[in-house]
Amino acid sequence: MLMAVVVAAGCGPSVCSAIGYVPTLMVEAGASPEVVDVEVCVAETCASSIAPEPGSSSTGLGTAPSWGPVTQLSESSWSFPVLDERPDEVRVRSLTEGGEVLAETSVALAWERVGGTEDCGGPSEAVVTAPTR
């Protein structure tokens, strides 16, 4: 008895790698030269775009439980990796060089997949604009 095996490309279940993707919140401050630091908060857990002074109790680079190390991408944009579940909303504060709160707002996030595939998922990001006066 002769059996033929037919393999059809693209048919059958997808095979996905076991990669854990870290969602990223991109914060842009626009063209405001007054904004030198941004702070992003989910509930009472915040992450800042600059590290605190030694011995300070304020939250700085990657010290908040929900956030990974923050990367400054340009003079007015930062990348905040989210280590826990993706939040639906964040509070964003723009700070001056002296640490004064310039402006603060709550923002609903719209997460979008920026890689991977529809079947297997992939990294996602949300983009927010830091408030100014």
Protein backbone atom coordinates (compact mmCIF):
# COMPACT_ATOMS: atom_id res chain seq x y z
CA MET A 1 0.00 0.00 0.00
CA LEU A 2 1.34 3.37 -1.01
CA MET A 3 0.46 6.47 1.05
CA ALA A 4 0.94 10.00 -0.10
CA VAL A 5 1.50 12.80 2.37
CA VAL A 6 0.45 16.24 1.27
CA VAL A 7 1.85 19.23 3.13
CA ALA A 8 0.06 22.48 2.50
CA ALA A 9 1.99 25.61 3.37
CA GLY A 10 0.08 28.05 5.52
CA CYS A 11 -2.47 25.52 6.74
CA GLY A 12 -2.69 24.42 10.31
CA PRO A 13 -1.91 26.11 13.61
CA SER A 14 0.74 28.81 13.91
CA VAL A 15 3.88 28.08 15.87
CA CYS A 16 4.73 30.99 18.15
CA SER A 17 7.99 31.50 19.97
CA ALA A 18 7.97 31.78 23.74
CA ILE A 19 9.10 35.41 23.76
CA GLY A 20 7.73 37.72 26.41
CA TYR A 21 7.14 41.11 24.86
CA VAL A 22 7.48 44.25 27.00
CA PRO A 23 4.96 46.97 26.16
CA THR A 24 6.46 50.45 25.89
CA LEU A 25 4.93 53.81 26.71
CA MET A 26 6.42 56.56 24.55
CA VAL A 27 6.23 60.06 26.08
CA GLU A 28 6.82 63.11 23.92
CA ALA A 29 7.17 66.61 25.38
CA GLY A 30 6.92 68.51 22.11
CA ALA A 31 8.92 71.68 21.64
CA SER A 32 8.67 73.02 25.21
CA PRO A 33 12.20 73.85 26.44
CA GLU A 34 10.83 74.16 30.01
CA VAL A 35 10.12 70.42 30.22
CA VAL A 36 13.31 68.63 31.30
CA ASP A 37 11.76 65.66 33.10
CA VAL A 38 8.55 63.69 32.77
CA GLU A 39 6.96 61.47 35.35
CA VAL A 40 4.46 58.74 34.53
CA CYS A 41 2.21 57.26 37.22
CA VAL A 42 -0.24 54.37 37.44
CA ALA A 43 -2.18 54.80 40.68
CA GLU A 44 0.56 55.74 43.17
CA THR A 45 3.41 53.99 41.33
CA CYS A 46 5.50 56.46 39.34
CA ALA A 47 8.61 56.43 37.19
CA SER A 48 10.70 59.47 36.32
CA SER A 49 12.78 60.11 33.23
CA ILE A 50 15.78 61.19 35.32
CA ALA A 51 17.39 59.53 38.30
CA PRO A 52 16.94 61.12 41.72
CA GLU A 53 19.81 62.63 43.68
CA PRO A 54 21.74 60.07 45.77
CA GLY A 55 19.92 59.46 49.05
CA SER A 56 16.64 60.86 47.69
CA SER A 57 13.44 58.93 48.36
CA SER A 58 11.79 60.01 45.10
CA THR A 59 11.12 57.48 42.38
CA GLY A 60 13.67 57.51 39.58
CA LEU A 61 14.92 55.44 36.68
CA GLY A 62 13.30 52.06 36.77
CA THR A 63 12.75 52.04 40.53
CA ALA A 64 8.95 51.92 40.36
CA PRO A 65 7.69 48.31 40.46
CA SER A 66 5.64 48.64 37.26
CA TRP A 67 8.35 50.25 35.12
CA GLY A 68 11.62 49.16 33.54
CA PRO A 69 14.64 51.41 32.95
CA VAL A 70 13.57 54.62 31.21
CA THR A 71 15.44 55.62 28.04
CA GLN A 72 15.70 59.19 26.80
CA LEU A 73 15.34 59.01 23.02
CA SER A 74 15.83 62.73 22.33
CA GLU A 75 15.70 66.02 24.23
CA SER A 76 11.92 65.76 24.29
CA SER A 77 11.00 62.06 24.15
CA TRP A 78 11.34 59.08 26.48
CA SER A 79 10.59 55.36 26.44
CA PHE A 80 9.01 53.80 29.57
CA PRO A 81 8.94 49.95 29.49
CA VAL A 82 5.90 48.53 31.31
CA LEU A 83 6.81 45.43 33.32
CA ASP A 84 3.34 44.64 34.65
CA GLU A 85 0.02 44.60 32.83
CA ARG A 86 -0.49 47.38 30.32
CA PRO A 87 -2.35 50.20 32.06
CA ASP A 88 -5.49 51.67 30.51
CA GLU A 89 -4.68 55.12 31.86
CA VAL A 90 -1.64 56.98 33.22
CA ARG A 91 -1.01 60.32 34.88
CA VAL A 92 1.75 62.31 33.14
CA ARG A 93 3.57 65.19 34.82
CA SER A 94 5.93 67.61 33.10
CA LEU A 95 8.65 68.93 35.38
CA THR A 96 11.04 71.88 35.15
CA GLU A 97 14.77 71.70 35.80
CA GLY A 98 14.11 72.57 39.45
CA GLY A 99 11.56 69.76 39.83
CA GLU A 100 8.52 72.04 39.79
CA VAL A 101 5.39 70.48 38.28
CA LEU A 102 4.77 72.47 35.11
CA ALA A 103 1.58 70.60 34.17
CA GLU A 104 -0.17 67.32 34.90
CA THR A 105 -2.86 65.34 33.10
CA SER A 106 -4.46 61.89 33.00
CA VAL A 107 -4.36 60.14 29.65
CA ALA A 108 -6.27 57.11 28.37
CA LEU A 109 -3.83 54.87 26.49
CA ALA A 110 -4.38 53.35 23.06
CA TRP A 111 -2.03 50.35 22.78
CA GLU A 112 -0.99 49.19 19.31
CA ARG A 113 1.02 46.13 18.29
CA VAL A 114 4.25 47.33 16.62
CA GLY A 115 5.77 43.99 15.64
CA GLY A 116 5.16 40.27 15.64
CA THR A 117 2.06 38.80 14.04
CA GLU A 118 -1.68 38.84 14.60
CA ASP A 119 -1.65 35.14 15.51
CA CYS A 120 1.30 35.26 17.91
CA GLY A 121 1.15 38.81 19.20
CA GLY A 122 4.20 41.01 19.57
CA PRO A 123 5.51 44.12 21.23
CA SER A 124 3.07 46.97 21.73
CA GLU A 125 3.36 50.64 22.45
CA ALA A 126 1.23 53.63 23.34
CA VAL A 127 2.23 57.24 22.68
CA VAL A 128 1.30 60.19 24.89
CA THR A 129 2.18 63.86 24.81
CA ALA A 130 3.43 65.36 28.06
CA PRO A 131 1.36 68.38 29.06
CA THR A 132 2.74 71.90 29.03
CA ARG A 133 1.32 75.08 30.51
